């Protein structure tokens, strides 16, 4: 799993100067079958009873193991894994993620 460094989106600290200074455009080649997962901090910061966050490593493990499943199943698997980890602690933030899969790469003329 590759996670970019930088400042969170939507946080307005100043007139945008700090955000713009950290903004970096990166091109990542994608191939057929590649999966892109965008997620909010509520996913990785979901806490269990001991105050331990779900974390990026657990999320990556779920995606690696089940990333070949249809989106509906992968989505439900991620939500179930987070729910099992959190248990009765409850949700303290939103759980938002977007799954994108490359079906095929079009050839450029």
PDB file of N, CA and C in Angstrom:
ATOM      1  N   UNK A   1       0.856  -1.169   0.000  1.00  0.00           N
ATOM      2  CA  UNK A   1       0.000   0.000   0.000  1.00  0.00           C
ATOM      3  C   UNK A   1       0.898   1.227   0.000  1.00  0.00           C
ATOM      4  N   UNK A   2       0.616   2.175  -0.877  1.00  0.00           N
ATOM      5  CA  UNK A   2       1.400   3.392  -0.952  1.00  0.00           C
ATOM      6  C   UNK A   2       0.540   4.556  -0.479  1.00  0.00           C
ATOM      7  N   UNK A   3       0.995   5.254   0.543  1.00  0.00           N
ATOM      8  CA  UNK A   3       0.259   6.386   1.090  1.00  0.00           C
ATOM      9  C   UNK A   3       1.074   7.654   0.903  1.00  0.00           C
ATOM     10  N   UNK A   4       0.486   8.684   0.309  1.00  0.00           N
ATOM     11  CA  UNK A   4       1.226   9.933   0.114  1.00  0.00           C
ATOM     12  C   UNK A   4       1.374  10.712   1.412  1.00  0.00           C
ATOM     13  N   UNK A   5       2.439  11.505   1.487  1.00  0.00           N
ATOM     14  CA  UNK A   5       2.623  12.427   2.600  1.00  0.00           C
ATOM     15  C   UNK A   5       1.891  13.714   2.273  1.00  0.00           C
ATOM     16  N   UNK A   6       1.637  14.533   3.284  1.00  0.00           N
ATOM     17  CA  UNK A   6       1.054  15.827   3.013  1.00  0.00           C
ATOM     18  C   UNK A   6       0.011  16.229   4.021  1.00  0.00           C
ATOM     19  N   UNK A   7      -0.612  17.343   3.758  1.00  0.00           N
ATOM     20  CA  UNK A   7      -1.632  17.921   4.608  1.00  0.00           C
ATOM     21  C   UNK A   7      -2.999  17.394   4.179  1.00  0.00           C
ATOM     22  N   UNK A   8      -3.910  17.259   5.133  1.00  0.00           N
ATOM     23  CA  UNK A   8      -5.243  16.764   4.819  1.00  0.00           C
ATOM     24  C   UNK A   8      -5.988  17.728   3.902  1.00  0.00           C
ATOM     25  N   UNK A   9      -6.878  17.190   3.102  1.00  0.00           N
ATOM     26  CA  UNK A   9      -7.702  18.019   2.226  1.00  0.00           C
ATOM     27  C   UNK A   9      -8.789  18.707   3.033  1.00  0.00           C
ATOM     28  N   UNK A  10      -9.134  19.908   2.659  1.00  0.00           N
ATOM     29  CA  UNK A  10     -10.246  20.601   3.281  1.00  0.00           C
ATOM     30  C   UNK A  10      -9.902  21.349   4.556  1.00  0.00           C
ATOM     31  N   UNK A  11      -8.675  21.257   5.030  1.00  0.00           N
ATOM     32  CA  UNK A  11      -8.274  21.959   6.245  1.00  0.00           C
ATOM     33  C   UNK A  11      -7.744  23.326   5.852  1.00  0.00           C
ATOM     34  N   UNK A  12      -8.442  24.364   6.267  1.00  0.00           N
ATOM     35  CA  UNK A  12      -8.051  25.717   5.873  1.00  0.00           C
ATOM     36  C   UNK A  12      -7.338  26.387   7.049  1.00  0.00           C
ATOM     37  N   UNK A  13      -6.014  26.281   7.052  1.00  0.00           N
ATOM     38  CA  UNK A  13      -5.200  26.856   8.121  1.00  0.00           C
ATOM     39  C   UNK A  13      -4.946  28.341   7.858  1.00  0.00           C
ATOM     40  N   UNK A  14      -4.656  28.671   6.627  1.00  0.00           N
ATOM     41  CA  UNK A  14      -4.364  30.049   6.247  1.00  0.00           C
ATOM     42  C   UNK A  14      -5.052  30.325   4.914  1.00  0.00           C
ATOM     43  N   UNK A  15      -4.513  31.164   4.115  1.00  0.00           N
ATOM     44  CA  UNK A  15      -5.126  31.474   2.817  1.00  0.00           C
ATOM     45  C   UNK A  15      -4.800  30.419   1.759  1.00  0.00           C
ATOM     46  N   UNK A  16      -4.308  29.268   2.182  1.00  0.00           N
ATOM     47  CA  UNK A  16      -3.958  28.196   1.264  1.00  0.00           C
ATOM     48  C   UNK A  16      -2.476  28.102   0.975  1.00  0.00           C
ATOM     49  N   UNK A  17      -1.705  29.031   1.515  1.00  0.00           N
ATOM     50  CA  UNK A  17      -0.269  29.051   1.260  1.00  0.00           C
ATOM     51  C   UNK A  17       0.402  27.773   1.745  1.00  0.00           C
ATOM     52  N   UNK A  18       0.093  27.364   2.971  1.00  0.00           N
ATOM     53  CA  UNK A  18       0.711  26.146   3.520  1.00  0.00           C
ATOM     54  C   UNK A  18       0.317  24.922   2.702  1.00  0.00           C
ATOM     55  N   UNK A  19      -0.959  24.813   2.381  1.00  0.00           N
ATOM     56  CA  UNK A  19      -1.423  23.672   1.586  1.00  0.00           C
ATOM     57  C   UNK A  19      -0.722  23.644   0.238  1.00  0.00           C
ATOM     58  N   UNK A  20      -0.684  24.789  -0.445  1.00  0.00           N
ATOM     59  CA  UNK A  20      -0.052  24.860  -1.757  1.00  0.00           C
ATOM     60  C   UNK A  20       1.436  24.544  -1.691  1.00  0.00           C
ATOM     61  N   UNK A  21       2.089  24.903  -0.584  1.00  0.00           N
ATOM     62  CA  UNK A  21       3.520  24.621  -0.468  1.00  0.00           C
ATOM     63  C   UNK A  21       3.780  23.121  -0.291  1.00  0.00           C
ATOM     64  N   UNK A  22       2.807  22.383   0.221  1.00  0.00           N
ATOM     65  CA  UNK A  22       2.958  20.947   0.431  1.00  0.00           C
ATOM     66  C   UNK A  22       2.412  20.118  -0.721  1.00  0.00           C
ATOM     67  N   UNK A  23       1.619  20.763  -1.561  1.00  0.00           N
ATOM     68  CA  UNK A  23       0.986  20.063  -2.677  1.00  0.00           C
ATOM     69  C   UNK A  23       2.047  19.611  -3.675  1.00  0.00           C
ATOM     70  N   UNK A  24       1.962  18.371  -4.046  1.00  0.00           N
ATOM     71  CA  UNK A  24       2.917  17.812  -4.992  1.00  0.00           C
ATOM     72  C   UNK A  24       2.143  16.920  -5.955  1.00  0.00           C
ATOM     73  N   UNK A  25       2.293  17.164  -7.224  1.00  0.00           N
ATOM     74  CA  UNK A  25       1.620  16.352  -8.226  1.00  0.00           C
ATOM     75  C   UNK A  25       2.475  15.126  -8.525  1.00  0.00           C
ATOM     76  N   UNK A  26       1.845  13.963  -8.470  1.00  0.00           N
ATOM     77  CA  UNK A  26       2.545  12.709  -8.710  1.00  0.00           C
ATOM     78  C   UNK A  26       1.738  11.901  -9.713  1.00  0.00           C
ATOM     79  N   UNK A  27       2.412  11.317 -10.660  1.00  0.00           N
ATOM     80  CA  UNK A  27       1.766  10.445 -11.630  1.00  0.00           C
ATOM     81  C   UNK A  27       2.144   9.009 -11.285  1.00  0.00           C
ATOM     82  N   UNK A  28       1.124   8.196 -11.104  1.00  0.00           N
ATOM     83  CA  UNK A  28       1.351   6.787 -10.796  1.00  0.00           C
ATOM     84  C   UNK A  28       0.755   5.955 -11.916  1.00  0.00           C
ATOM     85  N   UNK A  29       1.577   5.170 -12.596  1.00  0.00           N
ATOM     86  CA  UNK A  29       1.024   4.336 -13.664  1.00  0.00           C
ATOM     87  C   UNK A  29       0.107   3.258 -13.085  1.00  0.00           C
ATOM     88  N   UNK A  30      -1.031   3.062 -13.739  1.00  0.00           N
ATOM     89  CA  UNK A  30      -1.983   2.041 -13.322  1.00  0.00           C
ATOM     90  C   UNK A  30      -2.143   1.028 -14.448  1.00  0.00           C
ATOM     91  N   UNK A  31      -2.347  -0.199 -14.065  1.00  0.00           N
ATOM     92  CA  UNK A  31      -2.560  -1.255 -15.045  1.00  0.00           C
ATOM     93  C   UNK A  31      -3.882  -1.946 -14.808  1.00  0.00           C
ATOM     94  N   UNK A  32      -4.278  -2.744 -15.763  1.00  0.00           N
ATOM     95  CA  UNK A  32      -5.527  -3.492 -15.648  1.00  0.00           C
ATOM     96  C   UNK A  32      -5.509  -4.323 -14.363  1.00  0.00           C
ATOM     97  N   UNK A  33      -6.586  -4.228 -13.606  1.00  0.00           N
ATOM     98  CA  UNK A  33      -6.697  -4.973 -12.355  1.00  0.00           C
ATOM     99  C   UNK A  33      -6.222  -4.208 -11.134  1.00  0.00           C
ATOM    100  N   UNK A  34      -5.560  -3.066 -11.331  1.00  0.00           N
ATOM    101  CA  UNK A  34      -5.101  -2.275 -10.183  1.00  0.00           C
ATOM    102  C   UNK A  34      -6.295  -1.729  -9.405  1.00  0.00           C
ATOM    103  N   UNK A  35      -6.127  -1.649  -8.107  1.00  0.00           N
ATOM    104  CA  UNK A  35      -7.172  -1.164  -7.212  1.00  0.00           C
ATOM    105  C   UNK A  35      -6.660   0.073  -6.497  1.00  0.00           C
ATOM    106  N   UNK A  36      -7.451   1.135  -6.520  1.00  0.00           N
ATOM    107  CA  UNK A  36      -7.124   2.372  -5.816  1.00  0.00           C
ATOM    108  C   UNK A  36      -8.152   2.534  -4.700  1.00  0.00           C
ATOM    109  N   UNK A  37      -7.671   2.773  -3.481  1.00  0.00           N
ATOM    110  CA  UNK A  37      -8.557   2.958  -2.337  1.00  0.00           C
ATOM    111  C   UNK A  37      -8.277   4.320  -1.728  1.00  0.00           C
ATOM    112  N   UNK A  38      -9.295   5.160  -1.700  1.00  0.00           N
ATOM    113  CA  UNK A  38      -9.217   6.471  -1.054  1.00  0.00           C
ATOM    114  C   UNK A  38     -10.037   6.370   0.222  1.00  0.00           C
ATOM    115  N   UNK A  39      -9.510   6.882   1.343  1.00  0.00           N
ATOM    116  CA  UNK A  39     -10.229   6.727   2.600  1.00  0.00           C
ATOM    117  C   UNK A  39      -9.976   7.902   3.526  1.00  0.00           C
ATOM    118  N   UNK A  40     -10.945   8.136   4.400  1.00  0.00           N
ATOM    119  CA  UNK A  40     -10.801   9.183   5.401  1.00  0.00           C
ATOM    120  C   UNK A  40     -10.117   8.604   6.635  1.00  0.00           C
ATOM    121  N   UNK A  41      -9.677   9.484   7.514  1.00  0.00           N
ATOM    122  CA  UNK A  41      -8.982   9.040   8.726  1.00  0.00           C
ATOM    123  C   UNK A  41      -9.890   8.250   9.662  1.00  0.00           C
ATOM    124  N   UNK A  42     -11.197   8.363   9.497  1.00  0.00           N
ATOM    125  CA  UNK A  42     -12.114   7.589  10.327  1.00  0.00           C
ATOM    126  C   UNK A  42     -11.951   6.087  10.134  1.00  0.00           C
ATOM    127  N   UNK A  43     -11.483   5.682   8.968  1.00  0.00           N
ATOM    128  CA  UNK A  43     -11.262   4.265   8.694  1.00  0.00           C
ATOM    129  C   UNK A  43     -10.055   3.765   9.482  1.00  0.00           C
ATOM    130  N   UNK A  44      -8.940   4.432   9.345  1.00  0.00           N
ATOM    131  CA  UNK A  44      -7.704   3.966   9.991  1.00  0.00           C
ATOM    132  C   UNK A  44      -7.631   4.323  11.472  1.00  0.00           C
ATOM    133  N   UNK A  45      -8.404   5.318  11.908  1.00  0.00           N
ATOM    134  CA  UNK A  45      -8.376   5.713  13.311  1.00  0.00           C
ATOM    135  C   UNK A  45      -9.522   5.118  14.124  1.00  0.00           C
ATOM    136  N   UNK A  46     -10.274   4.183  13.545  1.00  0.00           N
ATOM    137  CA  UNK A  46     -11.320   3.490  14.306  1.00  0.00           C
ATOM    138  C   UNK A  46     -10.634   2.759  15.463  1.00  0.00           C
ATOM    139  N   UNK A  47     -11.087   3.015  16.696  1.00  0.00           N
ATOM    140  CA  UNK A  47     -10.405   2.513  17.893  1.00  0.00           C
ATOM    141  C   UNK A  47     -11.112   1.307  18.511  1.00  0.00           C
ATOM    142  N   UNK A  48     -10.301   0.401  19.043  1.00  0.00           N
ATOM    143  CA  UNK A  48     -10.861  -0.710  19.810  1.00  0.00           C
ATOM    144  C   UNK A  48     -10.929  -0.303  21.288  1.00  0.00           C
ATOM    145  N   UNK A  49     -11.345  -1.210  22.152  1.00  0.00           N
ATOM    146  CA  UNK A  49     -11.519  -0.903  23.577  1.00  0.00           C
ATOM    147  C   UNK A  49     -10.212  -0.510  24.257  1.00  0.00           C
ATOM    148  N   UNK A  50      -9.081  -0.945  23.711  1.00  0.00           N
ATOM    149  CA  UNK A  50      -7.777  -0.602  24.292  1.00  0.00           C
ATOM    150  C   UNK A  50      -7.236   0.724  23.756  1.00  0.00           C
ATOM    151  N   UNK A  51      -7.991   1.382  22.879  1.00  0.00           N
ATOM    152  CA  UNK A  51      -7.554   2.654  22.316  1.00  0.00           C
ATOM    153  C   UNK A  51      -6.579   2.503  21.160  1.00  0.00           C
ATOM    154  N   UNK A  52      -6.482   1.290  20.624  1.00  0.00           N
ATOM    155  CA  UNK A  52      -5.589   1.024  19.498  1.00  0.00           C
ATOM    156  C   UNK A  52      -6.334   1.307  18.190  1.00  0.00           C
ATOM    157  N   UNK A  53      -5.724   2.043  17.266  1.00  0.00           N
ATOM    158  CA  UNK A  53      -6.396   2.320  15.991  1.00  0.00           C
ATOM    159  C   UNK A  53      -6.330   1.130  15.043  1.00  0.00           C
ATOM    160  N   UNK A  54      -7.328   1.033  14.160  1.00  0.00           N
ATOM    161  CA  UNK A  54      -7.365  -0.011  13.141  1.00  0.00           C
ATOM    162  C   UNK A  54      -6.102   0.060  12.286  1.00  0.00           C
ATOM    163  N   UNK A  55      -5.735   1.241  11.847  1.00  0.00           N
ATOM    164  CA  UNK A  55      -4.461   1.476  11.173  1.00  0.00           C
ATOM    165  C   UNK A  55      -4.412   1.114   9.700  1.00  0.00           C
ATOM    166  N   UNK A  56      -3.413   1.682   9.040  1.00  0.00           N
ATOM    167  CA  UNK A  56      -3.209   1.445   7.614  1.00  0.00           C
ATOM    168  C   UNK A  56      -2.739   0.026   7.333  1.00  0.00           C
ATOM    169  N   UNK A  57      -1.961  -0.558   8.237  1.00  0.00           N
ATOM    170  CA  UNK A  57      -1.467  -1.919   8.009  1.00  0.00           C
ATOM    171  C   UNK A  57      -2.611  -2.936   7.980  1.00  0.00           C
ATOM    172  N   UNK A  58      -3.558  -2.801   8.894  1.00  0.00           N
ATOM    173  CA  UNK A  58      -4.710  -3.717   8.893  1.00  0.00           C
ATOM    174  C   UNK A  58      -5.562  -3.513   7.641  1.00  0.00           C
ATOM    175  N   UNK A  59      -5.778  -2.250   7.290  1.00  0.00           N
ATOM    176  CA  UNK A  59      -6.549  -1.960   6.083  1.00  0.00           C
ATOM    177  C   UNK A  59      -5.854  -2.554   4.859  1.00  0.00           C
ATOM    178  N   UNK A  60      -4.548  -2.364   4.766  1.00  0.00           N
ATOM    179  CA  UNK A  60      -3.795  -2.908   3.633  1.00  0.00           C
ATOM    180  C   UNK A  60      -3.891  -4.431   3.589  1.00  0.00           C
ATOM    181  N   UNK A  61      -3.842  -5.072   4.748  1.00  0.00           N
ATOM    182  CA  UNK A  61      -3.921  -6.535   4.800  1.00  0.00           C
ATOM    183  C   UNK A  61      -5.279  -7.024   4.293  1.00  0.00           C
ATOM    184  N   UNK A  62      -6.348  -6.338   4.686  1.00  0.00           N
ATOM    185  CA  UNK A  62      -7.690  -6.713   4.223  1.00  0.00           C
ATOM    186  C   UNK A  62      -7.776  -6.547   2.708  1.00  0.00           C
ATOM    187  N   UNK A  63      -7.251  -5.444   2.204  1.00  0.00           N
ATOM    188  CA  UNK A  63      -7.311  -5.170   0.761  1.00  0.00           C
ATOM    189  C   UNK A  63      -6.454  -6.169  -0.009  1.00  0.00           C
ATOM    190  N   UNK A  64      -5.270  -6.472   0.508  1.00  0.00           N
ATOM    191  CA  UNK A  64      -4.406  -7.449  -0.173  1.00  0.00           C
ATOM    192  C   UNK A  64      -5.061  -8.820  -0.239  1.00  0.00           C
ATOM    193  N   UNK A  65      -5.684  -9.224   0.863  1.00  0.00           N
ATOM    194  CA  UNK A  65      -6.280 -10.555   0.920  1.00  0.00           C
ATOM    195  C   UNK A  65      -7.570 -10.667   0.116  1.00  0.00           C
ATOM    196  N   UNK A  66      -8.352  -9.582   0.066  1.00  0.00           N
ATOM    197  CA  UNK A  66      -9.683  -9.654  -0.535  1.00  0.00           C
ATOM    198  C   UNK A  66      -9.878  -8.692  -1.707  1.00  0.00           C
ATOM    199  N   UNK A  67      -8.809  -8.065  -2.182  1.00  0.00           N
ATOM    200  CA  UNK A  67      -8.905  -7.063  -3.242  1.00  0.00           C
ATOM    201  C   UNK A  67      -9.422  -7.575  -4.564  1.00  0.00           C
ATOM    202  N   UNK A  68      -9.389  -8.886  -4.772  1.00  0.00           N
ATOM    203  CA  UNK A  68      -9.874  -9.443  -6.027  1.00  0.00           C
ATOM    204  C   UNK A  68     -11.371  -9.714  -6.017  1.00  0.00           C
ATOM    205  N   UNK A  69     -12.023  -9.511  -4.879  1.00  0.00           N
ATOM    206  CA  UNK A  69     -13.467  -9.728  -4.777  1.00  0.00           C
ATOM    207  C   UNK A  69     -14.229  -8.592  -5.463  1.00  0.00           C
ATOM    208  N   UNK A  70     -15.475  -8.836  -5.846  1.00  0.00           N
ATOM    209  CA  UNK A  70     -16.309  -7.745  -6.380  1.00  0.00           C
ATOM    210  C   UNK A  70     -16.421  -6.623  -5.344  1.00  0.00           C
ATOM    211  N   UNK A  71     -16.627  -5.416  -5.813  1.00  0.00           N
ATOM    212  CA  UNK A  71     -16.645  -4.247  -4.922  1.00  0.00           C
ATOM    213  C   UNK A  71     -17.592  -4.392  -3.744  1.00  0.00           C
ATOM    214  N   UNK A  72     -18.791  -4.901  -4.000  1.00  0.00           N
ATOM    215  CA  UNK A  72     -19.763  -5.012  -2.912  1.00  0.00           C
ATOM    216  C   UNK A  72     -19.219  -5.901  -1.798  1.00  0.00           C
ATOM    217  N   UNK A  73     -18.588  -6.995  -2.192  1.00  0.00           N
ATOM    218  CA  UNK A  73     -18.025  -7.916  -1.199  1.00  0.00           C
ATOM    219  C   UNK A  73     -16.818  -7.311  -0.499  1.00  0.00           C
ATOM    220  N   UNK A  74     -15.966  -6.626  -1.251  1.00  0.00           N
ATOM    221  CA  UNK A  74     -14.793  -5.977  -0.646  1.00  0.00           C
ATOM    222  C   UNK A  74     -15.230  -4.891   0.327  1.00  0.00           C
ATOM    223  N   UNK A  75     -16.202  -4.095  -0.075  1.00  0.00           N
ATOM    224  CA  UNK A  75     -16.719  -3.041   0.809  1.00  0.00           C
ATOM    225  C   UNK A  75     -17.242  -3.649   2.109  1.00  0.00           C
ATOM    226  N   UNK A  76     -18.055  -4.675   1.989  1.00  0.00           N
ATOM    227  CA  UNK A  76     -18.613  -5.320   3.181  1.00  0.00           C
ATOM    228  C   UNK A  76     -17.527  -5.958   4.029  1.00  0.00           C
ATOM    229  N   UNK A  77     -16.508  -6.538   3.414  1.00  0.00           N
ATOM    230  CA  UNK A  77     -15.402  -7.157   4.147  1.00  0.00           C
ATOM    231  C   UNK A  77     -14.647  -6.102   4.956  1.00  0.00           C
ATOM    232  N   UNK A  78     -14.372  -4.957   4.340  1.00  0.00           N
ATOM    233  CA  UNK A  78     -13.675  -3.880   5.050  1.00  0.00           C
ATOM    234  C   UNK A  78     -14.507  -3.421   6.244  1.00  0.00           C
ATOM    235  N   UNK A  79     -15.794  -3.191   6.022  1.00  0.00           N
ATOM    236  CA  UNK A  79     -16.666  -2.745   7.115  1.00  0.00           C
ATOM    237  C   UNK A  79     -16.767  -3.792   8.225  1.00  0.00           C
ATOM    238  N   UNK A  80     -16.847  -5.075   7.859  1.00  0.00           N
ATOM    239  CA  UNK A  80     -16.901  -6.147   8.866  1.00  0.00           C
ATOM    240  C   UNK A  80     -15.616  -6.223   9.677  1.00  0.00           C
ATOM    241  N   UNK A  81     -14.463  -6.092   9.008  1.00  0.00           N
ATOM    242  CA  UNK A  81     -13.178  -6.159   9.703  1.00  0.00           C
ATOM    243  C   UNK A  81     -13.038  -4.996  10.687  1.00  0.00           C
ATOM    244  N   UNK A  82     -13.451  -3.803  10.263  1.00  0.00           N
ATOM    245  CA  UNK A  82     -13.395  -2.648  11.165  1.00  0.00           C
ATOM    246  C   UNK A  82     -14.364  -2.865  12.317  1.00  0.00           C
ATOM    247  N   UNK A  83     -15.579  -3.334  12.031  1.00  0.00           N
ATOM    248  CA  UNK A  83     -16.568  -3.577  13.074  1.00  0.00           C
ATOM    249  C   UNK A  83     -16.099  -4.609  14.080  1.00  0.00           C
ATOM    250  N   UNK A  84     -15.477  -5.689  13.599  1.00  0.00           N
ATOM    251  CA  UNK A  84     -14.971  -6.728  14.503  1.00  0.00           C
ATOM    252  C   UNK A  84     -13.837  -6.177  15.362  1.00  0.00           C
ATOM    253  N   UNK A  85     -12.992  -5.326  14.781  1.00  0.00           N
ATOM    254  CA  UNK A  85     -11.871  -4.746  15.515  1.00  0.00           C
ATOM    255  C   UNK A  85     -12.374  -3.793  16.594  1.00  0.00           C
ATOM    256  N   UNK A  86     -13.324  -2.947  16.249  1.00  0.00           N
ATOM    257  CA  UNK A  86     -13.858  -1.942  17.174  1.00  0.00           C
ATOM    258  C   UNK A  86     -14.707  -2.593  18.260  1.00  0.00           C
ATOM    259  N   UNK A  87     -15.460  -3.628  17.890  1.00  0.00           N
ATOM    260  CA  UNK A  87     -16.326  -4.303  18.858  1.00  0.00           C
ATOM    261  C   UNK A  87     -17.411  -3.376  19.369  1.00  0.00           C
ATOM    262  N   UNK A  88     -17.616  -3.363  20.676  1.00  0.00           N
ATOM    263  CA  UNK A  88     -18.660  -2.544  21.295  1.00  0.00           C
ATOM    264  C   UNK A  88     -18.224  -1.117  21.585  1.00  0.00           C
ATOM    265  N   UNK A  89     -17.015  -0.753  21.179  1.00  0.00           N
ATOM    266  CA  UNK A  89     -16.493   0.578  21.471  1.00  0.00           C
ATOM    267  C   UNK A  89     -17.323   1.673  20.822  1.00  0.00           C
ATOM    268  N   UNK A  90     -17.837   1.399  19.653  1.00  0.00           N
ATOM    269  CA  UNK A  90     -18.645   2.400  18.950  1.00  0.00           C
ATOM    270  C   UNK A  90     -17.822   3.210  17.975  1.00  0.00           C
ATOM    271  N   UNK A  91     -18.523   3.873  17.107  1.00  0.00           N
ATOM    272  CA  UNK A  91     -17.901   4.649  16.044  1.00  0.00           C
ATOM    273  C   UNK A  91     -17.758   6.092  16.494  1.00  0.00           C
ATOM    274  N   UNK A  92     -16.550   6.652  16.381  1.00  0.00           N
ATOM    275  CA  UNK A  92     -16.326   8.033  16.800  1.00  0.00           C
ATOM    276  C   UNK A  92     -16.118   8.991  15.630  1.00  0.00           C
ATOM    277  N   UNK A  93     -16.083   8.466  14.400  1.00  0.00           N
ATOM    278  CA  UNK A  93     -15.846   9.292  13.222  1.00  0.00           C
ATOM    279  C   UNK A  93     -16.512   8.601  12.030  1.00  0.00           C
ATOM    280  N   UNK A  94     -16.592   9.321  10.914  1.00  0.00           N
ATOM    281  CA  UNK A  94     -17.174   8.708   9.724  1.00  0.00           C
ATOM    282  C   UNK A  94     -16.237   7.635   9.183  1.00  0.00           C
ATOM    283  N   UNK A  95     -16.806   6.649   8.503  1.00  0.00           N
ATOM    284  CA  UNK A  95     -16.036   5.627   7.797  1.00  0.00           C
ATOM    285  C   UNK A  95     -16.329   5.820   6.319  1.00  0.00           C
ATOM    286  N   UNK A  96     -15.457   6.549   5.640  1.00  0.00           N
ATOM    287  CA  UNK A  96     -15.678   6.853   4.238  1.00  0.00           C
ATOM    288  C   UNK A  96     -14.507   6.336   3.426  1.00  0.00           C
ATOM    289  N   UNK A  97     -14.821   5.555   2.393  1.00  0.00           N
ATOM    290  CA  UNK A  97     -13.775   5.126   1.476  1.00  0.00           C
ATOM    291  C   UNK A  97     -14.364   4.948   0.086  1.00  0.00           C
ATOM    292  N   UNK A  98     -13.503   5.091  -0.910  1.00  0.00           N
ATOM    293  CA  UNK A  98     -13.884   4.955  -2.309  1.00  0.00           C
ATOM    294  C   UNK A  98     -12.991   3.881  -2.913  1.00  0.00           C
ATOM    295  N   UNK A  99     -13.599   2.936  -3.613  1.00  0.00           N
ATOM    296  CA  UNK A  99     -12.860   1.875  -4.284  1.00  0.00           C
ATOM    297  C   UNK A  99     -12.913   2.118  -5.789  1.00  0.00           C
ATOM    298  N   UNK A 100     -11.755   2.120  -6.429  1.00  0.00           N
ATOM    299  CA  UNK A 100     -11.665   2.291  -7.883  1.00  0.00           C
ATOM    300  C   UNK A 100     -10.829   1.154  -8.446  1.00  0.00           C
ATOM    301  N   UNK A 101     -11.333   0.519  -9.492  1.00  0.00           N
ATOM    302  CA  UNK A 101     -10.579  -0.584 -10.100  1.00  0.00           C
ATOM    303  C   UNK A 101     -10.412  -0.302 -11.592  1.00  0.00           C
ATOM    304  N   UNK A 102      -9.195  -0.509 -12.066  1.00  0.00           N
ATOM    305  CA  UNK A 102      -8.896  -0.315 -13.486  1.00  0.00           C
ATOM    306  C   UNK A 102      -9.282  -1.588 -14.219  1.00  0.00           C
ATOM    307  N   UNK A 103     -10.237  -1.473 -15.135  1.00  0.00           N
ATOM    308  CA  UNK A 103     -10.659  -2.636 -15.914  1.00  0.00           C
ATOM    309  C   UNK A 103      -9.692  -2.905 -17.058  1.00  0.00           C
ATOM    310  N   UNK A 104      -9.374  -1.853 -17.784  1.00  0.00           N
ATOM    311  CA  UNK A 104      -8.436  -2.005 -18.893  1.00  0.00           C
ATOM    312  C   UNK A 104      -7.804  -0.656 -19.184  1.00  0.00           C
ATOM    313  N   UNK A 105      -6.682  -0.678 -19.813  1.00  0.00           N
ATOM    314  CA  UNK A 105      -5.974   0.540 -20.168  1.00  0.00           C
ATOM    315  C   UNK A 105      -6.149   0.762 -21.666  1.00  0.00           C
ATOM    316  N   UNK A 106      -6.669   1.939 -22.027  1.00  0.00           N
ATOM    317  CA  UNK A 106      -6.858   2.271 -23.432  1.00  0.00           C
ATOM    318  C   UNK A 106      -5.517   2.657 -24.050  1.00  0.00           C
ATOM    319  N   UNK A 107      -5.282   2.215 -25.247  1.00  0.00           N
ATOM    320  CA  UNK A 107      -4.051   2.559 -25.955  1.00  0.00           C
ATOM    321  C   UNK A 107      -4.154   3.974 -26.493  1.00  0.00           C
ATOM    322  N   UNK A 108      -3.056   4.714 -26.374  1.00  0.00           N
ATOM    323  CA  UNK A 108      -3.026   6.072 -26.923  1.00  0.00           C
ATOM    324  C   UNK A 108      -2.654   5.988 -28.397  1.00  0.00           C
ATOM    325  N   UNK A 109      -3.327   6.802 -29.245  1.00  0.00           N
ATOM    326  CA  UNK A 109      -3.022   6.760 -30.700  1.00  0.00           C
ATOM    327  C   UNK A 109      -1.638   7.246 -31.023  1.00  0.00           C
TER     328      UNK A 109
END
